[in-house]
C-alpha cells in the first residue's frame, strides 16, 4: 500500500499530505511500501528523494510535469543520473 501526497503543492489540513518528509515518516511507522506524490512536490524538494531511497521506500509520481523532457547524462562510474 502506498501513501498519496501532493508534496506541498496544495495545503491540506492533514500535515502528512503537505510534505514528502511527513509522508515518509507515516510510511515507515505504518509499514507502507512507499509514496505517490505530485511531481511538482518532488521537484521542490529533490533532497527528499535520497532520503526516501535510503529508507527503502518506493516513490511514484503523477502530474503534467512528469512528461516534460529534461536532458540528462548517465554516469558510467557511479551508475547514476546526473
N, C-alpha and C. Protein backbone atom coordinates (compact mmCIF):
# COMPACT_ATOMS: atom_id res chain seq x y z
N UNK A 1 0.84 -1.16 0.00
CA UNK A 1 0.00 0.00 0.00
C UNK A 1 0.90 1.24 0.00
N UNK A 2 0.46 2.26 -0.72
CA UNK A 2 1.21 3.50 -0.85
C UNK A 2 0.44 4.66 -0.24
N UNK A 3 1.17 5.69 0.19
CA UNK A 3 0.56 6.89 0.72
C UNK A 3 0.54 7.96 -0.36
N UNK A 4 -0.63 8.57 -0.59
CA UNK A 4 -0.78 9.60 -1.61
C UNK A 4 -0.60 10.98 -0.98
N UNK A 5 0.32 11.76 -1.54
CA UNK A 5 0.56 13.12 -1.08
C UNK A 5 0.70 14.04 -2.28
N UNK A 6 0.43 15.31 -2.09
CA UNK A 6 0.71 16.25 -3.17
C UNK A 6 2.02 16.97 -2.91
N UNK A 7 2.76 16.54 -1.91
CA UNK A 7 4.11 17.04 -1.66
C UNK A 7 4.19 18.52 -1.37
N UNK A 8 3.10 19.12 -0.90
CA UNK A 8 3.11 20.53 -0.58
C UNK A 8 2.63 21.43 -1.71
N UNK A 9 2.15 20.85 -2.80
CA UNK A 9 1.66 21.66 -3.92
C UNK A 9 0.35 22.37 -3.58
N UNK A 10 -0.41 21.78 -2.69
CA UNK A 10 -1.63 22.39 -2.16
C UNK A 10 -1.58 22.18 -0.65
N UNK A 11 -2.08 23.12 0.10
CA UNK A 11 -2.07 22.99 1.56
C UNK A 11 -3.31 22.20 1.99
N UNK A 12 -3.08 21.16 2.78
CA UNK A 12 -4.14 20.30 3.27
C UNK A 12 -4.16 20.36 4.80
N UNK A 13 -5.29 20.06 5.38
CA UNK A 13 -5.38 20.02 6.84
C UNK A 13 -4.50 18.91 7.40
N UNK A 14 -4.41 17.82 6.69
CA UNK A 14 -3.58 16.68 7.11
C UNK A 14 -2.13 16.99 6.76
N UNK A 15 -1.29 17.29 7.76
CA UNK A 15 0.09 17.70 7.51
C UNK A 15 0.90 16.63 6.79
N UNK A 16 0.49 15.38 6.88
CA UNK A 16 1.22 14.30 6.21
C UNK A 16 1.13 14.43 4.70
N UNK A 17 0.13 15.15 4.22
CA UNK A 17 -0.02 15.35 2.77
C UNK A 17 0.70 16.60 2.30
N UNK A 18 1.28 17.37 3.22
CA UNK A 18 1.91 18.64 2.86
C UNK A 18 3.41 18.54 2.61
N UNK A 19 4.03 17.40 2.90
CA UNK A 19 5.46 17.30 2.66
C UNK A 19 5.87 15.84 2.46
N UNK A 20 6.94 15.67 1.69
CA UNK A 20 7.46 14.32 1.46
C UNK A 20 8.04 13.73 2.74
N UNK A 21 8.62 14.58 3.59
CA UNK A 21 9.20 14.08 4.84
C UNK A 21 8.12 13.50 5.76
N UNK A 22 7.00 14.19 5.88
CA UNK A 22 5.90 13.69 6.71
C UNK A 22 5.32 12.41 6.12
N UNK A 23 5.22 12.36 4.80
CA UNK A 23 4.73 11.15 4.13
C UNK A 23 5.67 9.98 4.39
N UNK A 24 6.97 10.25 4.34
CA UNK A 24 7.96 9.20 4.59
C UNK A 24 7.85 8.68 6.03
N UNK A 25 7.69 9.59 6.99
CA UNK A 25 7.54 9.17 8.39
C UNK A 25 6.32 8.27 8.55
N UNK A 26 5.21 8.65 7.94
CA UNK A 26 3.98 7.86 8.03
C UNK A 26 4.19 6.47 7.44
N UNK A 27 4.85 6.39 6.29
CA UNK A 27 5.10 5.10 5.65
C UNK A 27 5.95 4.19 6.52
N UNK A 28 7.01 4.75 7.09
CA UNK A 28 7.90 3.94 7.93
C UNK A 28 7.21 3.48 9.21
N UNK A 29 6.40 4.35 9.81
CA UNK A 29 5.72 4.00 11.06
C UNK A 29 4.62 2.96 10.85
N UNK A 30 4.05 2.90 9.63
CA UNK A 30 2.90 2.03 9.39
C UNK A 30 3.17 0.90 8.40
N UNK A 31 4.42 0.71 8.03
CA UNK A 31 4.78 -0.40 7.17
C UNK A 31 4.26 -0.31 5.74
N UNK A 32 4.09 0.92 5.24
CA UNK A 32 3.64 1.09 3.86
C UNK A 32 4.82 0.92 2.90
N UNK A 33 4.52 0.62 1.65
CA UNK A 33 5.57 0.35 0.67
C UNK A 33 6.22 1.60 0.11
N UNK A 34 5.49 2.72 0.11
CA UNK A 34 6.08 3.92 -0.44
C UNK A 34 5.09 5.06 -0.57
N UNK A 35 5.49 6.04 -1.40
CA UNK A 35 4.79 7.31 -1.53
C UNK A 35 4.43 7.54 -3.00
N UNK A 36 3.24 8.08 -3.22
CA UNK A 36 2.84 8.58 -4.54
C UNK A 36 2.68 10.09 -4.38
N UNK A 37 3.47 10.85 -5.13
CA UNK A 37 3.48 12.30 -4.96
C UNK A 37 3.27 13.02 -6.27
N UNK A 38 2.66 14.19 -6.20
CA UNK A 38 2.58 15.08 -7.35
C UNK A 38 4.02 15.47 -7.70
N UNK A 39 4.37 15.43 -8.96
CA UNK A 39 5.76 15.63 -9.38
C UNK A 39 6.31 16.99 -8.99
N UNK A 40 5.47 18.02 -8.92
CA UNK A 40 5.96 19.34 -8.51
C UNK A 40 6.52 19.30 -7.09
N UNK A 41 5.92 18.50 -6.22
CA UNK A 41 6.41 18.36 -4.86
C UNK A 41 7.80 17.73 -4.81
N UNK A 42 8.05 16.83 -5.74
CA UNK A 42 9.37 16.18 -5.81
C UNK A 42 10.40 17.18 -6.34
N UNK A 43 10.04 17.96 -7.37
CA UNK A 43 10.95 18.97 -7.91
C UNK A 43 11.27 20.05 -6.88
N UNK A 44 10.31 20.37 -6.03
CA UNK A 44 10.53 21.39 -4.99
C UNK A 44 11.43 20.90 -3.88
N UNK A 45 11.53 19.59 -3.71
CA UNK A 45 12.32 19.04 -2.61
C UNK A 45 13.11 17.83 -3.10
N UNK A 46 14.07 18.01 -4.00
CA UNK A 46 14.81 16.87 -4.55
C UNK A 46 15.64 16.12 -3.51
N UNK A 47 16.02 16.78 -2.43
CA UNK A 47 16.79 16.11 -1.37
C UNK A 47 15.99 15.01 -0.69
N UNK A 48 14.68 15.13 -0.70
CA UNK A 48 13.83 14.11 -0.07
C UNK A 48 13.90 12.79 -0.83
N UNK A 49 14.21 12.85 -2.12
CA UNK A 49 14.28 11.63 -2.93
C UNK A 49 15.36 10.70 -2.38
N UNK A 50 16.52 11.25 -2.05
CA UNK A 50 17.61 10.46 -1.48
C UNK A 50 17.20 9.84 -0.15
N UNK A 51 16.56 10.62 0.69
CA UNK A 51 16.11 10.11 2.00
C UNK A 51 15.10 8.98 1.83
N UNK A 52 14.19 9.14 0.89
CA UNK A 52 13.18 8.11 0.64
C UNK A 52 13.86 6.84 0.14
N UNK A 53 14.81 7.00 -0.77
CA UNK A 53 15.54 5.84 -1.31
C UNK A 53 16.32 5.14 -0.20
N UNK A 54 17.01 5.89 0.64
CA UNK A 54 17.78 5.31 1.74
C UNK A 54 16.88 4.59 2.74
N UNK A 55 15.62 5.00 2.83
CA UNK A 55 14.66 4.36 3.73
C UNK A 55 14.05 3.11 3.12
N UNK A 56 14.47 2.78 1.90
CA UNK A 56 13.98 1.59 1.19
C UNK A 56 12.49 1.68 0.85
N UNK A 57 12.00 2.91 0.63
CA UNK A 57 10.61 3.12 0.21
C UNK A 57 10.59 3.39 -1.28
N UNK A 58 9.49 3.04 -1.93
CA UNK A 58 9.30 3.36 -3.34
C UNK A 58 8.72 4.77 -3.45
N UNK A 59 9.02 5.43 -4.57
CA UNK A 59 8.49 6.76 -4.82
C UNK A 59 7.93 6.80 -6.24
N UNK A 60 6.63 7.00 -6.34
CA UNK A 60 5.95 7.12 -7.63
C UNK A 60 5.46 8.55 -7.78
N UNK A 61 5.31 9.00 -9.02
CA UNK A 61 4.86 10.38 -9.23
C UNK A 61 3.73 10.44 -10.24
N UNK A 62 3.00 11.55 -10.20
CA UNK A 62 1.96 11.84 -11.17
C UNK A 62 1.96 13.34 -11.44
N UNK A 63 1.34 13.76 -12.51
CA UNK A 63 1.25 15.19 -12.81
C UNK A 63 1.75 15.51 -14.19
N UNK A 64 1.44 16.69 -14.65
CA UNK A 64 1.78 17.12 -16.01
C UNK A 64 3.28 17.23 -16.23
N UNK A 65 4.02 17.69 -15.24
CA UNK A 65 5.47 17.87 -15.42
C UNK A 65 6.21 16.55 -15.56
N UNK A 66 5.57 15.45 -15.21
CA UNK A 66 6.22 14.15 -15.31
C UNK A 66 6.67 13.88 -16.75
N UNK A 67 5.98 14.45 -17.73
CA UNK A 67 6.27 14.16 -19.12
C UNK A 67 7.06 15.25 -19.82
N UNK A 68 7.63 16.18 -19.07
CA UNK A 68 8.49 17.21 -19.63
C UNK A 68 9.87 16.60 -19.87
N UNK A 69 10.40 16.78 -21.06
CA UNK A 69 11.72 16.22 -21.38
C UNK A 69 12.80 17.07 -20.73
N UNK A 70 13.70 16.42 -20.01
CA UNK A 70 14.81 17.09 -19.36
C UNK A 70 16.08 16.34 -19.77
N UNK A 71 17.07 17.06 -20.33
CA UNK A 71 18.31 16.37 -20.72
C UNK A 71 19.05 15.86 -19.49
N UNK A 72 19.63 14.69 -19.61
CA UNK A 72 20.41 14.14 -18.51
C UNK A 72 21.51 13.25 -19.05
N UNK A 73 22.47 12.97 -18.20
CA UNK A 73 23.61 12.12 -18.56
C UNK A 73 23.69 11.00 -17.54
N UNK A 74 23.90 9.78 -18.00
CA UNK A 74 24.10 8.66 -17.08
C UNK A 74 25.59 8.49 -16.88
N UNK A 75 26.01 8.60 -15.64
CA UNK A 75 27.42 8.48 -15.31
C UNK A 75 27.83 7.01 -15.28
N UNK A 76 28.78 6.59 -16.12
CA UNK A 76 29.20 5.19 -16.13
C UNK A 76 29.97 4.80 -14.86
N UNK A 77 30.55 5.76 -14.18
CA UNK A 77 31.34 5.45 -12.99
C UNK A 77 30.47 5.24 -11.75
N UNK A 78 29.45 6.04 -11.61
CA UNK A 78 28.63 5.98 -10.41
C UNK A 78 27.29 5.30 -10.65
N UNK A 79 26.99 4.95 -11.91
CA UNK A 79 25.73 4.32 -12.25
C UNK A 79 24.54 5.14 -11.76
N UNK A 80 24.59 6.43 -12.04
CA UNK A 80 23.50 7.30 -11.58
C UNK A 80 23.19 8.34 -12.65
N UNK A 81 22.06 8.95 -12.51
CA UNK A 81 21.65 10.00 -13.43
C UNK A 81 22.14 11.34 -12.91
N UNK A 82 22.74 12.13 -13.79
CA UNK A 82 23.27 13.45 -13.42
C UNK A 82 22.46 14.51 -14.12
